Structure formats: structure tokens, C-alpha cells
């Protein structure tokens, strides 16, 4: 059997059917031991070794349902680094947070019993296959908003864990300006 890989797609749907876009990415993966790191198009990694950081967590906790990380802008307190980080748009400020978290929390993760937002979700192909039909059922009629929470709810319903990687931080542009709202994208 081949060694597990991590795939890093940025799913997109012109029809705003994000579940279908996520599922299409998982269907491209053949090895059930591979992982898929689903990312929003408006996130930025500060750590050039982000793949190695993620890989370390996957090796340590291979039965995890979803891995996520900290960010600067999200409505979910489980993933929000701080309220202050929401308001600061300096890339240098966020770079320092990422480097500090990596230095202080190398290899650490925390299990959470709460749903997570989907700006970054790392899910094993075999886990997706196990829960895919239930997610598809829940997502009927859903467009973009709420699909991530339905995925997290299903992961917990199937008794998989959700872990936040304590040493990984991404910049999330989400609604930093009103331009997305004006164009109906958020």
C-alpha cells in the first residue's frame, strides 16, 4: 500500500454549491489513508513548513475526524486567536503570531467538542467516505454558508474527534472589507 499523502485543494463552485466542490476534491483521492486539507481561497499560511506541521499532527492523531487551526477573523471562538487579531490588518503582526505559536506549541493540539468553521479543514479520505452520504443528505439545498458546520456536526455525530493544531495559524481575509458583501459573495 502506498504511503499517505496530504492534498491541498482550494474548492470553488460557480453555482455556490460548496459541498459538491468539497466532494469533488475527495473523489479525486484514491488512497483511503490520504488526507485532504480543504482551504478557503482567502487564507494565507505564514509558515512555509505548513505541510510538515500538519503532517506531524496527522501522524500523531491518525484517527481524528477533522483538524483545524487558529485564525484572525472568524465568528467561531474555538478557532479565533483573539478579538484584537480581528482588528489588525498588519501582515507583520499576524506573521509574528504564527511564528510565536509554532515556537511555543510545536506538535500540540487540543480536542474540541464544538463545531468548527471551514476556512481550513483537514479530513482523511476514509473518514469522508464514511460520513459522506450523511453530509450530502444534510446539505441538500445548502449553498455555501453552513456547510462547514454540517460537516463538523456529522463528524461529531459519527464520534470522530475535532482537533485544533495549536502551532498553526493562518490569516483569514474574511469580510475585512465590505467588497465581498457588496458583490453577494458572503
N, C-alpha and C. Protein backbone atom coordinates (compact mmCIF):
# COMPACT_ATOMS: atom_id res chain seq x y z
N UNK A 1 0.84 -1.20 0.00
CA UNK A 1 0.00 0.00 0.00
C UNK A 1 0.88 1.25 0.00
N UNK A 2 0.49 2.24 -0.75
CA UNK A 2 1.27 3.47 -0.85
C UNK A 2 1.16 4.30 0.43
N UNK A 3 2.17 5.14 0.69
CA UNK A 3 2.18 5.99 1.87
C UNK A 3 1.12 7.08 1.75
N UNK A 4 0.55 7.48 2.87
CA UNK A 4 -0.46 8.54 2.82
C UNK A 4 0.13 9.88 2.38
N UNK A 5 -0.63 10.62 1.64
CA UNK A 5 -0.27 11.97 1.20
C UNK A 5 -1.27 12.96 1.78
N UNK A 6 -0.91 14.22 1.69
CA UNK A 6 -1.83 15.30 2.04
C UNK A 6 -2.08 16.09 0.77
N UNK A 7 -3.33 16.28 0.43
CA UNK A 7 -3.72 17.06 -0.75
C UNK A 7 -4.19 18.43 -0.26
N UNK A 8 -3.85 19.48 -1.00
CA UNK A 8 -4.14 20.85 -0.59
C UNK A 8 -4.99 21.60 -1.63
N UNK A 9 -6.23 21.19 -1.85
CA UNK A 9 -7.07 21.89 -2.82
C UNK A 9 -7.75 23.13 -2.22
N UNK A 10 -8.17 24.01 -3.10
CA UNK A 10 -9.00 25.15 -2.74
C UNK A 10 -10.29 25.00 -3.54
N UNK A 11 -11.28 24.29 -2.99
CA UNK A 11 -12.53 24.04 -3.74
C UNK A 11 -13.26 25.34 -4.06
N UNK A 12 -13.91 25.33 -5.22
CA UNK A 12 -14.66 26.50 -5.66
C UNK A 12 -15.86 26.03 -6.46
N UNK A 13 -16.99 26.71 -6.27
CA UNK A 13 -18.18 26.36 -7.03
C UNK A 13 -18.79 27.62 -7.63
N UNK A 14 -18.92 27.64 -8.94
CA UNK A 14 -19.55 28.77 -9.61
C UNK A 14 -21.04 28.83 -9.30
N UNK A 15 -21.61 27.70 -8.92
CA UNK A 15 -23.04 27.63 -8.59
C UNK A 15 -23.27 27.81 -7.09
N UNK A 16 -22.19 28.09 -6.33
CA UNK A 16 -22.23 28.25 -4.87
C UNK A 16 -22.67 26.97 -4.17
N UNK A 17 -22.35 25.82 -4.75
CA UNK A 17 -22.66 24.53 -4.14
C UNK A 17 -21.36 23.98 -3.56
N UNK A 18 -21.04 24.43 -2.36
CA UNK A 18 -19.72 24.14 -1.81
C UNK A 18 -19.56 22.68 -1.40
N UNK A 19 -20.63 22.03 -0.94
CA UNK A 19 -20.50 20.60 -0.61
C UNK A 19 -20.05 19.82 -1.84
N UNK A 20 -20.66 20.10 -2.98
CA UNK A 20 -20.30 19.40 -4.20
C UNK A 20 -18.85 19.67 -4.59
N UNK A 21 -18.39 20.89 -4.35
CA UNK A 21 -16.99 21.23 -4.64
C UNK A 21 -16.04 20.48 -3.71
N UNK A 22 -16.39 20.40 -2.43
CA UNK A 22 -15.58 19.63 -1.48
C UNK A 22 -15.56 18.16 -1.91
N UNK A 23 -16.73 17.62 -2.19
CA UNK A 23 -16.84 16.20 -2.53
C UNK A 23 -16.04 15.88 -3.79
N UNK A 24 -16.05 16.77 -4.76
CA UNK A 24 -15.29 16.55 -5.99
C UNK A 24 -13.80 16.41 -5.69
N UNK A 25 -13.31 17.18 -4.74
CA UNK A 25 -11.90 17.08 -4.36
C UNK A 25 -11.60 15.74 -3.69
N UNK A 26 -12.49 15.29 -2.83
CA UNK A 26 -12.30 13.99 -2.18
C UNK A 26 -12.38 12.84 -3.18
N UNK A 27 -13.21 12.98 -4.21
CA UNK A 27 -13.35 11.91 -5.19
C UNK A 27 -12.09 11.75 -6.05
N UNK A 28 -11.28 12.77 -6.12
CA UNK A 28 -10.01 12.68 -6.86
C UNK A 28 -8.97 11.84 -6.11
N UNK A 29 -9.17 11.67 -4.81
CA UNK A 29 -8.20 10.97 -3.96
C UNK A 29 -8.56 9.49 -3.92
N UNK A 30 -7.60 8.65 -4.24
CA UNK A 30 -7.85 7.20 -4.29
C UNK A 30 -7.46 6.47 -3.00
N UNK A 31 -6.38 6.86 -2.37
CA UNK A 31 -5.88 6.18 -1.17
C UNK A 31 -6.74 6.56 0.04
N UNK A 32 -7.41 5.61 0.69
CA UNK A 32 -8.24 5.93 1.85
C UNK A 32 -7.46 6.48 3.03
N UNK A 33 -6.13 6.29 3.04
CA UNK A 33 -5.29 6.82 4.12
C UNK A 33 -4.77 8.22 3.83
N UNK A 34 -5.03 8.74 2.64
CA UNK A 34 -4.63 10.11 2.32
C UNK A 34 -5.53 11.10 3.06
N UNK A 35 -5.02 12.29 3.21
CA UNK A 35 -5.75 13.39 3.86
C UNK A 35 -5.98 14.50 2.84
N UNK A 36 -7.07 15.23 3.01
CA UNK A 36 -7.38 16.37 2.17
C UNK A 36 -7.50 17.60 3.07
N UNK A 37 -6.70 18.61 2.76
CA UNK A 37 -6.71 19.86 3.50
C UNK A 37 -7.55 20.85 2.70
N UNK A 38 -8.83 20.92 3.03
CA UNK A 38 -9.75 21.83 2.34
C UNK A 38 -9.50 23.24 2.86
N UNK A 39 -9.27 24.18 1.94
CA UNK A 39 -8.95 25.55 2.33
C UNK A 39 -9.84 26.54 1.59
N UNK A 40 -10.19 27.61 2.27
CA UNK A 40 -10.84 28.74 1.61
C UNK A 40 -9.81 29.46 0.76
N UNK A 41 -10.26 30.14 -0.26
CA UNK A 41 -9.38 30.88 -1.14
C UNK A 41 -8.83 32.15 -0.53
N UNK A 42 -9.37 32.55 0.63
CA UNK A 42 -8.91 33.80 1.24
C UNK A 42 -8.12 33.57 2.53
N UNK A 43 -7.38 32.45 2.58
CA UNK A 43 -6.47 32.25 3.71
C UNK A 43 -5.03 32.32 3.22
N UNK A 44 -4.15 32.59 4.15
CA UNK A 44 -2.72 32.72 3.85
C UNK A 44 -1.94 32.03 4.96
N UNK A 45 -1.06 31.10 4.57
CA UNK A 45 -0.15 30.48 5.52
C UNK A 45 1.05 31.41 5.71
N UNK A 46 1.50 31.55 6.95
CA UNK A 46 2.71 32.31 7.23
C UNK A 46 3.91 31.40 7.38
N UNK A 47 3.66 30.15 7.74
CA UNK A 47 4.74 29.21 7.94
C UNK A 47 4.98 28.44 6.66
N UNK A 48 6.16 28.57 6.09
CA UNK A 48 6.45 27.88 4.83
C UNK A 48 6.46 26.36 5.00
N UNK A 49 6.60 25.90 6.22
CA UNK A 49 6.60 24.47 6.51
C UNK A 49 5.22 23.99 6.97
N UNK A 50 4.16 24.67 6.54
CA UNK A 50 2.81 24.34 6.99
C UNK A 50 2.45 22.89 6.72
N UNK A 51 2.91 22.33 5.61
CA UNK A 51 2.62 20.93 5.30
C UNK A 51 3.25 19.98 6.30
N UNK A 52 4.48 20.30 6.71
CA UNK A 52 5.16 19.47 7.70
C UNK A 52 4.48 19.58 9.07
N UNK A 53 4.03 20.78 9.41
CA UNK A 53 3.32 20.97 10.67
C UNK A 53 2.05 20.11 10.68
N UNK A 54 1.27 20.20 9.61
CA UNK A 54 0.04 19.41 9.51
C UNK A 54 0.36 17.92 9.54
N UNK A 55 1.37 17.52 8.79
CA UNK A 55 1.75 16.11 8.73
C UNK A 55 2.08 15.56 10.12
N UNK A 56 2.76 16.34 10.93
CA UNK A 56 3.10 15.91 12.29
C UNK A 56 1.86 15.59 13.11
N UNK A 57 0.84 16.41 12.96
CA UNK A 57 -0.42 16.17 13.69
C UNK A 57 -1.15 14.93 13.17
N UNK A 58 -1.14 14.75 11.86
CA UNK A 58 -1.83 13.60 11.27
C UNK A 58 -1.17 12.30 11.74
N UNK A 59 0.14 12.31 11.82
CA UNK A 59 0.86 11.12 12.27
C UNK A 59 0.59 10.84 13.75
N UNK A 60 0.48 11.89 14.54
CA UNK A 60 0.28 11.75 15.98
C UNK A 60 -1.15 11.33 16.32
N UNK A 61 -2.13 11.82 15.56
CA UNK A 61 -3.55 11.55 15.83
C UNK A 61 -4.26 11.09 14.55
N UNK A 62 -3.92 9.91 14.04
CA UNK A 62 -4.46 9.47 12.75
C UNK A 62 -5.95 9.17 12.74
N UNK A 63 -6.57 9.04 13.89
CA UNK A 63 -8.00 8.74 13.95
C UNK A 63 -8.86 9.98 14.11
N UNK A 64 -8.27 11.14 14.03
CA UNK A 64 -9.01 12.40 14.16
C UNK A 64 -9.94 12.59 12.97
N UNK A 65 -11.12 13.13 13.23
CA UNK A 65 -12.09 13.39 12.17
C UNK A 65 -11.77 14.64 11.36
N UNK A 66 -11.47 15.72 12.05
CA UNK A 66 -11.11 17.00 11.40
C UNK A 66 -10.03 17.67 12.22
N UNK A 67 -9.03 18.17 11.51
CA UNK A 67 -8.05 19.08 12.11
C UNK A 67 -8.36 20.48 11.60
N UNK A 68 -8.16 21.46 12.44
CA UNK A 68 -8.26 22.85 12.05
C UNK A 68 -7.15 23.62 12.77
N UNK A 69 -7.19 24.94 12.72
CA UNK A 69 -6.15 25.73 13.35
C UNK A 69 -6.72 27.07 13.80
N UNK A 70 -5.84 27.92 14.30
CA UNK A 70 -6.22 29.29 14.68
C UNK A 70 -6.24 30.19 13.46
N UNK A 71 -7.02 31.26 13.58
CA UNK A 71 -7.02 32.31 12.57
C UNK A 71 -7.34 33.64 13.23
N UNK A 72 -7.32 34.68 12.43
CA UNK A 72 -7.57 36.03 12.92
C UNK A 72 -9.01 36.49 12.79
N UNK A 73 -9.74 36.01 11.78
CA UNK A 73 -11.09 36.51 11.53
C UNK A 73 -12.04 35.34 11.30
N UNK A 74 -12.84 35.08 12.31
CA UNK A 74 -13.85 34.03 12.21
C UNK A 74 -14.83 34.26 13.35
N UNK A 75 -16.07 33.88 13.15
CA UNK A 75 -17.07 34.04 14.19
C UNK A 75 -17.04 32.93 15.23
N UNK A 76 -16.21 31.93 15.02
CA UNK A 76 -16.16 30.79 15.91
C UNK A 76 -15.04 30.96 16.94
N UNK A 77 -15.38 31.07 18.23
CA UNK A 77 -14.35 31.31 19.24
C UNK A 77 -13.33 30.18 19.37
N UNK A 78 -13.67 28.96 18.98
CA UNK A 78 -12.74 27.84 19.06
C UNK A 78 -11.53 28.07 18.15
N UNK A 79 -11.73 28.78 17.05
CA UNK A 79 -10.66 28.97 16.08
C UNK A 79 -10.09 30.38 16.06
N UNK A 80 -10.71 31.29 16.75
CA UNK A 80 -10.26 32.69 16.77
C UNK A 80 -9.10 32.87 17.74
N UNK A 81 -7.98 33.41 17.23
CA UNK A 81 -6.83 33.63 18.10
C UNK A 81 -7.17 34.67 19.17
N UNK A 82 -7.68 35.83 18.76
CA UNK A 82 -8.06 36.86 19.73
C UNK A 82 -8.94 37.90 19.04
N UNK A 83 -9.70 38.61 19.84
CA UNK A 83 -10.50 39.71 19.29
C UNK A 83 -9.61 40.80 18.73
N UNK A 84 -8.48 41.02 19.36
CA UNK A 84 -7.54 42.03 18.87
C UNK A 84 -7.06 41.67 17.45
N UNK A 85 -6.78 40.39 17.22
CA UNK A 85 -6.28 39.96 15.90
C UNK A 85 -7.30 40.25 14.80
N UNK A 86 -8.58 40.26 15.14
CA UNK A 86 -9.63 40.58 14.15
C UNK A 86 -9.46 41.98 13.57
N UNK A 87 -9.03 42.89 14.42
CA UNK A 87 -9.00 44.30 14.04
C UNK A 87 -7.70 44.76 13.40
N UNK A 88 -6.66 43.96 13.47
CA UNK A 88 -5.35 44.39 12.98
C UNK A 88 -5.10 43.80 11.60
N UNK A 89 -4.81 44.67 10.65
CA UNK A 89 -4.60 44.19 9.28
C UNK A 89 -3.13 44.11 8.88
N UNK A 90 -2.23 44.32 9.83
CA UNK A 90 -0.79 44.25 9.55
C UNK A 90 -0.36 42.79 9.35
N UNK A 91 0.16 42.51 8.18
CA UNK A 91 0.67 41.16 7.89
C UNK A 91 1.80 40.82 8.86
N UNK A 92 2.63 41.78 9.19
CA UNK A 92 3.75 41.54 10.11
C UNK A 92 3.24 41.11 11.49
N UNK A 93 2.18 41.73 11.94
CA UNK A 93 1.58 41.36 13.23
C UNK A 93 1.14 39.90 13.21
N UNK A 94 0.45 39.50 12.16
CA UNK A 94 -0.06 38.12 12.07
C UNK A 94 1.08 37.11 11.84
N UNK A 95 2.10 37.53 11.12
CA UNK A 95 3.28 36.68 10.93
C UNK A 95 3.91 36.35 12.29
N UNK A 96 4.01 37.38 13.16
CA UNK A 96 4.60 37.16 14.50
C UNK A 96 3.75 36.19 15.32
N UNK A 97 2.44 36.30 15.23
CA UNK A 97 1.56 35.36 15.94
C UNK A 97 1.86 33.94 15.48
N UNK A 98 1.91 33.75 14.16
CA UNK A 98 2.16 32.41 13.61
C UNK A 98 3.50 31.86 14.10
N UNK A 99 4.53 32.66 14.05
CA UNK A 99 5.85 32.20 14.47
C UNK A 99 5.88 31.92 15.98
N UNK A 100 5.23 32.75 16.77
CA UNK A 100 5.17 32.52 18.22
C UNK A 100 4.42 31.24 18.55
N UNK A 101 3.30 31.01 17.91
CA UNK A 101 2.53 29.79 18.16
C UNK A 101 3.34 28.55 17.77
N UNK A 102 4.01 28.63 16.64
CA UNK A 102 4.82 27.49 16.21
C UNK A 102 5.94 27.21 17.22
N UNK A 103 6.60 28.25 17.70
CA UNK A 103 7.71 28.08 18.64
C UNK A 103 7.25 27.56 20.00
N UNK A 104 6.13 28.07 20.49
CA UNK A 104 5.66 27.72 21.84
C UNK A 104 4.84 26.43 21.88
N UNK A 105 4.20 26.07 20.77
CA UNK A 105 3.24 24.96 20.79
C UNK A 105 3.57 23.85 19.80
N UNK A 106 4.81 23.68 19.44
CA UNK A 106 5.18 22.68 18.44
C UNK A 106 4.58 21.32 18.75
N UNK A 107 3.84 20.79 17.80
CA UNK A 107 3.25 19.46 17.92
C UNK A 107 2.04 19.36 18.83
N UNK A 108 1.61 20.45 19.41
CA UNK A 108 0.47 20.42 20.33
C UNK A 108 -0.84 20.60 19.57
N UNK A 109 -1.86 19.89 20.03
CA UNK A 109 -3.22 20.10 19.52
C UNK A 109 -4.19 19.90 20.66
N UNK A 110 -5.38 20.45 20.49
CA UNK A 110 -6.42 20.37 21.50
C UNK A 110 -7.67 19.79 20.88
N UNK A 111 -8.28 18.83 21.57
CA UNK A 111 -9.54 18.25 21.10
C UNK A 111 -10.68 19.17 21.53
N UNK A 112 -11.64 19.35 20.62
CA UNK A 112 -12.79 20.21 20.90
C UNK A 112 -14.09 19.47 20.63
N UNK A 113 -15.09 19.78 21.40
CA UNK A 113 -16.41 19.16 21.26
C UNK A 113 -17.39 20.12 20.58
N UNK A 114 -16.87 21.13 19.94
CA UNK A 114 -17.70 22.14 19.29
C UNK A 114 -17.48 22.12 17.79
N UNK A 115 -18.48 22.54 17.06
CA UNK A 115 -18.36 22.62 15.61
C UNK A 115 -17.32 23.67 15.23
N UNK A 116 -16.81 23.52 14.03
CA UNK A 116 -15.80 24.45 13.57
C UNK A 116 -16.20 25.05 12.23
N UNK A 117 -15.65 26.20 11.93
CA UNK A 117 -15.82 26.83 10.63
C UNK A 117 -14.82 26.22 9.66
N UNK A 118 -15.12 26.30 8.37
CA UNK A 118 -14.35 25.55 7.39
C UNK A 118 -13.28 26.27 6.62
N UNK A 119 -12.71 27.33 7.13
CA UNK A 119 -11.63 28.01 6.39
C UNK A 119 -10.45 27.08 6.16
N UNK A 120 -10.24 26.11 7.08
CA UNK A 120 -9.22 25.09 6.92
C UNK A 120 -9.69 23.84 7.67
N UNK A 121 -9.95 22.79 6.91
CA UNK A 121 -10.37 21.51 7.49
C UNK A 121 -9.52 20.42 6.86
N UNK A 122 -8.86 19.63 7.69
CA UNK A 122 -8.04 18.52 7.21
C UNK A 122 -8.78 17.23 7.59
N UNK A 123 -9.19 16.47 6.57
CA UNK A 123 -10.03 15.29 6.77
C UNK A 123 -9.44 14.13 5.99
N UNK A 124 -9.39 12.97 6.64
CA UNK A 124 -8.90 11.76 5.99
C UNK A 124 -9.93 11.27 4.97
N UNK A 125 -9.46 10.79 3.84
CA UNK A 125 -10.34 10.28 2.78
C UNK A 125 -11.29 9.20 3.32
N UNK A 126 -10.79 8.27 4.13
CA UNK A 126 -11.65 7.21 4.66
C UNK A 126 -12.73 7.77 5.59
N UNK A 127 -12.41 8.83 6.31
CA UNK A 127 -13.42 9.48 7.17
C UNK A 127 -14.49 10.11 6.30
N UNK A 128 -14.07 10.82 5.25
CA UNK A 128 -15.03 11.44 4.34
C UNK A 128 -15.94 10.37 3.74
N UNK A 129 -15.36 9.27 3.29
CA UNK A 129 -16.16 8.19 2.71
C UNK A 129 -17.18 7.65 3.71
N UNK A 130 -16.80 7.56 4.97
CA UNK A 130 -17.69 7.02 5.99
C UNK A 130 -18.87 7.94 6.29
N UNK A 131 -18.66 9.24 6.18
CA UNK A 131 -19.71 10.20 6.56
C UNK A 131 -20.32 10.94 5.37
N UNK A 132 -19.79 10.72 4.19
CA UNK A 132 -20.16 11.49 3.01
C UNK A 132 -21.66 11.48 2.72
N UNK A 133 -22.29 10.33 2.73
CA UNK A 133 -23.71 10.26 2.39
C UNK A 133 -24.57 11.03 3.39
N UNK A 134 -24.21 10.96 4.67
CA UNK A 134 -24.95 11.70 5.69
C UNK A 134 -24.78 13.20 5.49
N UNK A 135 -23.57 13.62 5.18
CA UNK A 135 -23.34 15.05 4.92
C UNK A 135 -24.13 15.48 3.69
N UNK A 136 -24.11 14.67 2.64
CA UNK A 136 -24.85 15.01 1.42
C UNK A 136 -26.33 15.18 1.73
N UNK A 137 -26.85 14.31 2.55
CA UNK A 137 -28.27 14.39 2.94
C UNK A 137 -28.55 15.70 3.69
N UNK A 138 -27.68 16.03 4.63
CA UNK A 138 -27.85 17.25 5.41
C UNK A 138 -27.69 18.51 4.56
N UNK A 139 -26.85 18.43 3.53
CA UNK A 139 -26.51 19.61 2.74
C UNK A 139 -27.47 19.84 1.56
N UNK A 140 -28.45 19.01 1.40
CA UNK A 140 -29.40 19.23 0.30
C UNK A 140 -30.00 20.63 0.42
N UNK A 141 -29.88 21.39 -0.65
CA UNK A 141 -30.41 22.74 -0.67
C UNK A 141 -29.49 23.79 -0.08
N UNK A 142 -28.41 23.38 0.61
CA UNK A 142 -27.45 24.33 1.18
C UNK A 142 -26.55 24.84 0.07
N UNK A 143 -26.20 26.07 0.17
CA UNK A 143 -25.27 26.63 -0.80
C UNK A 143 -23.88 26.69 -0.16
N UNK A 144 -23.45 27.86 0.28
CA UNK A 144 -22.12 27.99 0.85
C UNK A 144 -22.17 28.04 2.38
N UNK A 145 -22.95 28.95 2.90
CA UNK A 145 -22.96 29.16 4.34
C UNK A 145 -23.58 27.98 5.08
N UNK A 146 -22.90 27.54 6.11
CA UNK A 146 -23.42 26.48 6.96
C UNK A 146 -22.95 25.08 6.61
N UNK A 147 -22.42 24.88 5.42
CA UNK A 147 -21.96 23.54 5.03
C UNK A 147 -20.84 23.06 5.94
N UNK A 148 -19.92 23.96 6.27
CA UNK A 148 -18.81 23.58 7.16
C UNK A 148 -19.33 23.11 8.52
N UNK A 149 -20.32 23.80 9.06
CA UNK A 149 -20.88 23.39 10.34
C UNK A 149 -21.58 22.04 10.23
N UNK A 150 -22.25 21.80 9.12
CA UNK A 150 -22.90 20.50 8.92
C UNK A 150 -21.87 19.37 8.83
N UNK A 151 -20.75 19.65 8.21
CA UNK A 151 -19.67 18.66 8.16
C UNK A 151 -19.16 18.39 9.57
N UNK A 152 -18.87 19.43 10.33
CA UNK A 152 -18.37 19.26 11.70
C UNK A 152 -19.40 18.53 12.57
N UNK A 153 -20.67 18.88 12.43
CA UNK A 153 -21.71 18.19 13.20
C UNK A 153 -21.75 16.70 12.87
N UNK A 154 -21.59 16.37 11.61
CA UNK A 154 -21.62 14.97 11.19
C UNK A 154 -20.40 14.23 11.71
N UNK A 155 -19.25 14.87 11.67
CA UNK A 155 -18.03 14.27 12.22
C UNK A 155 -18.26 13.89 13.69
N UNK A 156 -18.84 14.80 14.44
CA UNK A 156 -19.10 14.53 15.86
C UNK A 156 -20.20 13.48 16.04
N UNK A 157 -21.22 13.53 15.18
CA UNK A 157 -22.30 12.53 15.23
C UNK A 157 -21.74 11.12 15.05
N UNK A 158 -20.72 10.97 14.22
CA UNK A 158 -20.08 9.68 13.98
C UNK A 158 -18.97 9.38 14.99
N UNK A 159 -18.87 10.24 15.99
CA UNK A 159 -17.93 10.07 17.11
C UNK A 159 -16.44 10.17 16.71
N UNK A 160 -16.18 10.93 15.68
CA UNK A 160 -14.80 11.29 15.37
C UNK A 160 -14.48 12.55 16.16
N UNK A 161 -13.21 12.77 16.41
CA UNK A 161 -12.81 13.96 17.17
C UNK A 161 -12.50 15.12 16.22
N UNK A 162 -12.51 16.31 16.81
CA UNK A 162 -12.10 17.53 16.12
C UNK A 162 -10.94 18.09 16.93
N UNK A 163 -9.83 18.35 16.26
CA UNK A 163 -8.64 18.86 16.94
C UNK A 163 -8.18 20.16 16.30
N UNK A 164 -7.80 21.11 17.14
CA UNK A 164 -7.19 22.36 16.67
C UNK A 164 -5.68 22.23 16.85
N UNK A 165 -4.96 22.42 15.77
CA UNK A 165 -3.49 22.41 15.82
C UNK A 165 -3.05 23.72 16.46
N UNK A 166 -2.38 23.62 17.59
CA UNK A 166 -2.01 24.81 18.37
C UNK A 166 -0.81 25.55 17.80
N UNK A 167 -0.11 24.94 16.86
CA UNK A 167 1.10 25.54 16.31
C UNK A 167 0.92 26.04 14.88
N UNK A 168 -0.31 26.08 14.41
CA UNK A 168 -0.58 26.56 13.05
C UNK A 168 -1.59 27.69 13.09
N UNK A 169 -1.26 28.77 12.40
CA UNK A 169 -2.09 29.98 12.35
C UNK A 169 -2.15 30.45 10.91
N UNK A 170 -3.35 30.74 10.44
CA UNK A 170 -3.49 31.28 9.09
C UNK A 170 -4.19 32.64 9.16
N UNK A 171 -3.83 33.49 8.23
CA UNK A 171 -4.51 34.78 8.07
C UNK A 171 -5.75 34.52 7.23
N UNK A 172 -6.91 34.97 7.71
CA UNK A 172 -8.18 34.80 7.01
C UNK A 172 -8.73 36.18 6.69
N UNK A 173 -8.82 36.49 5.42
CA UNK A 173 -9.25 37.83 5.00
C UNK A 173 -10.74 38.08 5.24
N UNK A 174 -11.50 37.07 5.45
CA UNK A 174 -12.97 37.08 5.55
C UNK A 174 -13.55 38.41 6.04
N UNK A 175 -14.26 39.05 5.14
CA UNK A 175 -15.02 40.26 5.44
C UNK A 175 -14.18 41.38 6.04
N UNK A 176 -12.92 41.43 5.72
CA UNK A 176 -12.09 42.52 6.22
C UNK A 176 -12.53 43.84 5.57
N UNK A 177 -13.03 43.74 4.36
CA UNK A 177 -13.64 44.90 3.71
C UNK A 177 -15.07 44.52 3.39
N UNK A 178 -15.86 45.46 2.96
CA UNK A 178 -17.25 45.15 2.61
C UNK A 178 -17.41 44.72 1.17
N UNK A 179 -16.32 44.64 0.42
CA UNK A 179 -16.43 44.35 -1.01
C UNK A 179 -17.10 43.01 -1.30
N UNK A 180 -16.85 42.00 -0.48
CA UNK A 180 -17.48 40.70 -0.68
C UNK A 180 -18.97 40.76 -0.46
N UNK A 181 -19.41 41.49 0.56
CA UNK A 181 -20.84 41.64 0.83
C UNK A 181 -21.53 42.35 -0.33
N UNK A 182 -20.88 43.39 -0.82
CA UNK A 182 -21.48 44.17 -1.90
C UNK A 182 -21.71 43.33 -3.15
N UNK A 183 -20.83 42.37 -3.40
CA UNK A 183 -20.94 41.54 -4.59
C UNK A 183 -21.73 40.24 -4.32
N UNK A 184 -22.25 40.10 -3.09
CA UNK A 184 -23.06 38.94 -2.76
C UNK A 184 -22.25 37.66 -2.59
N UNK A 185 -20.97 37.77 -2.28
CA UNK A 185 -20.12 36.59 -2.16
C UNK A 185 -20.13 36.01 -0.75
N UNK A 186 -20.54 36.78 0.24
CA UNK A 186 -20.51 36.26 1.62
C UNK A 186 -21.89 36.33 2.24
